[in-house]
Protein backbone atom coordinates (compact mmCIF):
# COMPACT_ATOMS: atom_id res chain seq x y z
CA MET A 1 0.02 0.16 -0.43
CA GLN A 2 2.74 2.43 0.91
CA LYS A 3 3.91 1.82 -2.77
CA ALA A 4 0.79 3.17 -3.96
CA ASN A 5 0.74 6.41 -1.88
CA ARG A 6 2.60 8.47 -3.70
CA LEU A 7 2.43 11.56 -1.73
CA GLN A 8 3.37 9.15 0.93
CA GLN A 9 6.77 7.96 -0.74
CA ALA A 10 7.48 11.40 -2.41
CA LEU A 11 7.70 12.49 1.12
CA LYS A 12 9.42 10.00 2.09
CA SER A 13 12.51 10.64 -0.43
CA GLY A 14 13.36 14.02 0.84
CA LYS A 15 12.40 16.34 -1.86
CA PRO A 16 9.93 18.63 -1.93
CA SER A 17 6.19 17.44 -3.04
CA PHE A 18 3.84 19.52 -4.77
CA GLY A 19 0.13 19.18 -5.32
CA GLY A 20 -3.34 21.11 -6.15
CA TRP A 21 -6.50 22.18 -4.49
CA GLN A 22 -10.09 21.57 -6.26
CA GLY A 23 -12.97 22.91 -4.49
CA LEU A 24 -15.22 22.52 -7.53
CA PRO A 25 -17.00 19.49 -8.31
CA GLY A 26 -16.41 16.99 -11.03
CA SER A 27 -14.46 13.70 -11.69
CA ASN A 28 -13.42 14.71 -15.14
CA LEU A 29 -11.97 17.90 -13.74
CA SER A 30 -10.17 15.67 -10.76
CA ARG A 31 -8.52 14.08 -14.04
CA ILE A 32 -7.13 17.38 -16.12
CA ILE A 33 -5.42 18.22 -12.44
CA ALA A 34 -4.02 15.06 -11.58
CA ARG A 35 -2.46 14.45 -15.53
CA THR A 36 -0.48 17.76 -14.71
CA PRO A 37 3.72 16.45 -14.69
CA ASN A 38 5.01 16.55 -11.26
CA LEU A 39 2.01 16.47 -9.26
CA ASP A 40 1.97 14.22 -6.28
CA TRP A 41 -1.01 14.94 -4.78
CA ILE A 42 -4.09 16.47 -4.76
CA CYS A 43 -6.65 17.88 -1.79
CA ILE A 44 -10.50 17.58 -2.48
CA ASP A 45 -11.91 20.05 -0.18
CA GLN A 46 -14.99 19.89 1.84
CA GLU A 47 -13.85 22.30 4.43
CA HIS A 48 -14.08 25.06 1.60
CA GLY A 49 -14.49 23.89 -1.43
CA ASN A 50 -18.05 23.11 -3.21
CA MET A 51 -17.54 19.28 -2.75
CA SER A 52 -20.91 17.16 -1.42
CA ASP A 53 -19.68 13.36 0.11
CA ASP A 54 -20.47 12.23 -2.97
CA ALA A 55 -18.17 14.15 -5.07
CA MET A 56 -15.34 13.43 -2.75
CA HIS A 57 -15.54 10.06 -3.49
CA GLU A 58 -15.45 10.34 -7.18
CA SER A 59 -12.40 12.91 -7.67
CA VAL A 60 -10.83 10.35 -4.87
CA ALA A 61 -11.76 7.04 -6.99
CA ALA A 62 -10.25 9.33 -10.20
CA ILE A 63 -7.53 10.81 -8.50
CA ALA A 64 -6.10 7.69 -8.18
CA ALA A 65 -7.22 6.29 -10.82
CA CYS A 66 -4.66 8.26 -12.49
CA GLY A 67 -1.73 6.90 -10.36
CA VAL A 68 -1.72 10.80 -7.95
CA SER A 69 -2.36 11.00 -4.80
CA PRO A 70 -6.11 11.81 -3.33
CA VAL A 71 -6.09 13.94 0.21
CA VAL A 72 -9.09 14.70 1.46
CA ARG A 73 -9.69 17.97 3.46
CA VAL A 74 -12.54 17.39 5.46
CA PRO A 75 -14.91 20.08 6.94
CA ASP A 76 -14.04 19.18 11.01
CA GLY A 77 -12.06 17.00 12.75
CA GLN A 78 -15.29 15.09 13.58
CA HIS A 79 -15.04 11.34 13.82
CA TRP A 80 -17.48 10.65 10.74
CA MET A 81 -16.33 13.34 8.72
CA ILE A 82 -12.55 10.95 8.61
CA LYS A 83 -14.47 7.71 8.71
CA ARG A 84 -16.00 8.91 5.09
CA ALA A 85 -12.52 10.01 4.05
CA LEU A 86 -10.93 7.48 4.63
CA ASP A 87 -13.53 5.33 3.40
CA ALA A 88 -13.78 6.89 0.10
CA GLY A 89 -10.09 5.65 -0.44
CA ALA A 90 -8.35 9.12 0.38
CA HIS A 91 -4.57 8.60 0.87
CA GLY A 92 -4.43 11.61 3.45
CA ILE A 93 -6.60 14.00 5.04
CA ILE A 94 -5.77 17.07 6.22
CA VAL A 95 -8.01 18.56 9.48
CA PRO A 96 -8.71 22.36 9.68
CA LEU A 97 -9.12 24.10 13.24
CA LEU A 98 -7.66 22.01 15.86
CA ASN A 99 -6.89 24.26 19.50
CA SER A 100 -5.29 21.35 21.11
CA ALA A 101 -2.33 18.20 21.38
CA GLU A 102 -6.01 16.79 22.65
CA ASP A 103 -6.92 17.41 19.59
CA ALA A 104 -4.96 16.10 17.58
CA LYS A 105 -4.95 12.28 19.69
CA ASN A 106 -8.20 12.72 18.35
CA ILE A 107 -7.71 12.69 15.01
CA ALA A 108 -5.06 10.76 15.04
CA LYS A 109 -7.37 7.76 17.27
CA TYR A 110 -10.66 8.49 14.33
CA SER A 111 -7.83 7.82 11.49
CA LYS A 112 -5.70 4.54 12.80
CA PHE A 113 -7.37 1.25 12.95
CA SER A 114 -7.33 -0.71 16.72
CA PRO A 115 -5.13 -1.16 18.28
CA VAL A 116 -3.95 2.09 17.86
CA GLY A 117 -7.24 4.06 16.96
CA ASN A 118 -10.99 3.26 17.07
CA ARG A 119 -11.59 3.27 12.84
CA GLY A 120 -14.54 1.27 11.57
CA LEU A 121 -13.36 -1.52 9.39
CA GLY A 122 -16.34 -2.39 6.63
CA SER A 123 -16.02 -0.23 3.34
CA GLY A 124 -15.77 -1.94 0.41
CA LEU A 125 -14.29 0.93 -1.60
CA SER A 126 -10.74 1.91 0.04
CA MET A 127 -8.58 -1.40 -1.18
CA GLU A 128 -9.04 -0.66 -4.80
CA LYS A 129 -7.78 2.95 -4.05
CA PHE A 130 -4.01 1.93 -3.74
CA ILE A 131 -3.32 -0.41 -6.60
CA SER A 132 -0.45 1.14 -7.66
CA GLY A 133 -0.77 1.39 -11.96
CA ARG A 134 2.91 1.80 -11.86
CA THR A 135 3.82 -1.61 -11.51
CA GLY A 136 0.96 -2.84 -13.86
CA ASP A 137 -0.44 -4.68 -10.96
CA VAL A 138 -4.81 -4.34 -11.91
CA SER A 139 -6.09 -6.57 -8.47
CA GLU A 140 -6.99 -3.72 -5.87
CA VAL A 141 -5.48 -4.83 -2.10
CA PRO A 142 -7.61 -7.64 0.02
CA MET A 143 -9.24 -6.23 3.23
CA GLY A 144 -7.43 -7.64 5.66
CA ASP A 145 -4.14 -6.02 4.14
CA TYR A 146 -5.63 -3.32 4.47
CA PHE A 147 -6.53 -3.48 7.62
CA ARG A 148 -3.25 -4.49 8.64
CA ASP A 149 -1.25 -1.71 6.42
CA ALA A 150 -3.70 0.99 6.40
CA ASN A 151 -2.51 2.93 9.64
CA SER A 152 1.05 3.02 8.12
CA SER A 153 -0.40 3.88 4.78
CA THR A 154 -2.44 6.87 5.13
CA VAL A 155 -0.81 10.38 5.81
CA VAL A 156 -2.55 12.09 8.53
CA CYS A 157 -2.46 16.25 8.46
CA VAL A 158 -3.63 18.96 10.32
CA GLN A 159 -3.20 22.45 9.91
CA ILE A 160 -2.35 24.42 11.80
CA GLU A 161 -3.72 27.95 11.82
CA THR A 162 -5.22 29.14 15.64
CA ALA A 163 -3.47 30.84 18.17
CA GLY A 164 -4.06 27.96 20.21
CA ALA A 165 -2.56 25.00 17.55
CA LEU A 166 0.35 27.80 17.41
CA LYS A 167 1.02 27.84 21.63
CA ASP A 168 0.64 23.95 21.35
CA VAL A 169 2.37 23.37 18.21
CA ASN A 170 5.43 21.01 20.18
CA GLU A 171 2.83 19.70 21.90
CA ILE A 172 0.79 18.69 18.40
CA ALA A 173 4.19 17.54 16.63
CA ALA A 174 5.13 15.19 18.71
CA VAL A 175 1.96 13.34 19.06
CA GLU A 176 1.74 10.02 17.57
CA GLY A 177 -0.13 9.85 14.16
CA ILE A 178 0.14 12.97 12.99
CA ASP A 179 2.50 12.70 10.20
CA VAL A 180 2.41 16.60 8.85
CA LEU A 181 1.52 20.01 9.64
CA LEU A 182 0.19 22.48 7.75
CA ILE A 183 -0.08 26.01 7.74
CA GLY A 184 -2.72 28.06 6.08
CA PRO A 185 -0.86 31.50 6.05
CA THR A 186 -4.58 33.17 5.48
CA ASP A 187 -5.95 31.44 8.64
CA LEU A 188 -2.83 31.80 10.47
CA GLY A 189 -1.95 34.93 10.13
CA ASN A 190 -6.10 36.04 10.83
CA ASN A 191 -6.32 34.04 13.98
CA ILE A 192 -3.22 35.71 15.32
CA GLY A 193 -4.17 39.03 14.82
CA HIS A 194 -1.98 39.68 11.27
CA PRO A 195 -4.18 39.20 8.31
CA SER A 196 -2.47 38.90 4.71
CA VAL A 197 -6.01 39.29 3.69
CA LEU A 198 -5.66 42.83 4.40
CA SER A 199 -2.59 43.81 3.45
CA GLY A 200 -2.56 42.45 -0.73
CA GLY A 201 -1.17 38.38 0.79
CA LYS A 202 1.59 40.65 2.31
CA HIS A 203 2.91 38.87 5.65
CA ALA A 204 3.51 40.78 9.20
CA PRO A 205 6.47 40.07 11.10
CA GLU A 206 4.83 37.92 13.57
CA LEU A 207 2.92 35.82 10.81
CA ASP A 208 6.70 34.83 8.63
CA GLU A 209 7.97 34.22 12.74
CA ALA A 210 5.48 31.81 13.35
CA ILE A 211 5.23 30.20 9.68
CA ASP A 212 8.79 29.21 10.90
CA LYS A 213 7.99 27.90 14.12
CA ILE A 214 5.32 25.41 12.88
CA ASN A 215 8.24 24.66 10.31
CA LYS A 216 10.57 24.12 13.28
CA ALA A 217 8.84 21.79 15.25
CA ALA A 218 7.41 19.33 12.61
CA HIS A 219 11.22 19.30 12.17
CA ASP A 220 11.93 19.27 15.34
CA ALA A 221 9.92 16.32 15.95
CA GLY A 222 10.27 13.77 13.32
CA LYS A 223 7.40 15.00 11.64
CA LYS A 224 6.37 16.46 7.38
CA SER A 225 5.88 20.66 7.29
CA ALA A 226 3.60 22.04 4.44
CA ILE A 227 1.79 24.43 3.53
CA TYR A 228 -1.25 26.08 0.98
CA MET A 229 0.44 28.41 -1.65
CA GLY A 230 -1.29 29.82 -4.59
CA SER A 231 1.29 29.82 -6.96
CA GLY A 232 4.09 27.91 -8.58
CA GLU A 233 6.63 31.33 -7.56
CA GLN A 234 4.88 30.65 -3.74
CA ALA A 235 5.11 27.05 -3.80
CA LYS A 236 8.88 27.18 -4.95
CA HIS A 237 9.73 30.03 -2.30
CA TYR A 238 8.74 27.73 0.42
CA ALA A 239 10.73 24.57 -0.89
CA GLU A 240 13.41 26.19 -1.00
CA LYS A 241 12.65 26.91 2.88
CA GLY A 242 13.07 23.53 3.75
CA PHE A 243 8.74 22.67 3.88
CA ASP A 244 8.62 18.99 2.92
CA MET A 245 4.46 19.52 0.96
CA ILE A 246 3.82 22.56 -0.43
CA ASN A 247 0.58 23.56 -2.51
CA THR A 248 0.72 25.18 -6.35
CA ALA A 249 -2.85 25.63 -7.26
CA ASN A 250 -6.55 26.43 -6.59
CA ASP A 251 -8.36 25.56 -9.40
CA ILE A 252 -11.01 28.08 -8.49
CA GLN A 253 -8.61 30.42 -8.06
CA VAL A 254 -6.70 29.17 -11.55
CA VAL A 255 -9.75 30.20 -13.71
CA LYS A 256 -10.98 33.14 -12.37
CA LYS A 257 -7.16 34.93 -13.44
CA TYR A 258 -6.91 33.05 -16.73
CA PHE A 259 -10.85 34.23 -17.61
CA ALA A 260 -9.55 37.95 -16.64
CA GLU A 261 -6.23 37.46 -18.51
CA HIS A 262 -8.11 36.29 -22.16
CA VAL A 263 -10.87 39.18 -21.36
CA ALA A 264 -8.59 41.78 -20.75
CA THR A 265 -6.55 41.11 -23.74
CA ALA A 266 -9.46 40.64 -25.76
CA THR A 267 -11.10 43.79 -24.68
CA GLY A 268 -7.96 45.67 -24.22
CA LYS A 269 -8.81 46.79 -20.34
C-alpha cells in the first residue's frame, strides 16, 4: 500500500512534494488536474470547496486512478467525517481548526484502526484506491491487507491555523499518528491578529515568525511540514525554505485568473 501512496513516497524521498487544490466538483476536472506532470497529490476540499460527500468519493477515485494521491480536507475533525474520507480511499486527510494536542490525539485515533485507534472497518471502496498503476498490478488490495497496512500507509495532516494550535505546536507535533503539520497562512494570520488578507497577501513579521516556528516544530519532532500557497512562485519559495509538502494552485483561482487575463487581452481593458 505504501508504494501506491505517491504522496507518502514523495515525503519519504526528502524532496519537496508539490500538489494542487480542487474545490469544484467533477471527476473530469480531477483527472485534468491529476494529469499535470510532477504533481504528487491533489487536495479535495470539503471545508471551503463546493464538495459534497458523493463528489468527494468520485474525485478520490478519479485521482487515484491517475496514479496521483487523493487527499481530502474534511470540514472538521469529527470521527464520521474522517471515516468517510478514508473509506472513500483517500491516501491522506487534512483536518482544519484544531486547537490543542488533545484535538490532535483524537484525530489520530479516529484515523487509525484498532489497536491504535477506533476507526471502523467496513468500506468496500477504499482498497481499490491503493492499486499501483506503475507496477501494472490491477488487483485491489485485499481487505485484510488494507486493515493491516492502512495505519502506516495513510498520511494524517493537521492544520496549524489557530492561536491555540500555534501555542501548543510542539506538543501537537509530538502526537503519535500525526504525520504532517500544514499551515494555511491566511487563517493563521487572521487568528493571531495579523491578517495578510488586508495587506494584499503580504505577511507581517509576526506571521512569518509563526510559519517558521511551525516548520521547525514539525522537523524537530521528525514530522513533515506543509503549507498552502496559491502560485508556483510562492511554492518554490517555501520549498527552498525547507517545507516538505506545498500546494501550487487552486482550481477556482486558476479559472478566475485565466478568464480575467484573456478577456482583458481581448477587450483591451
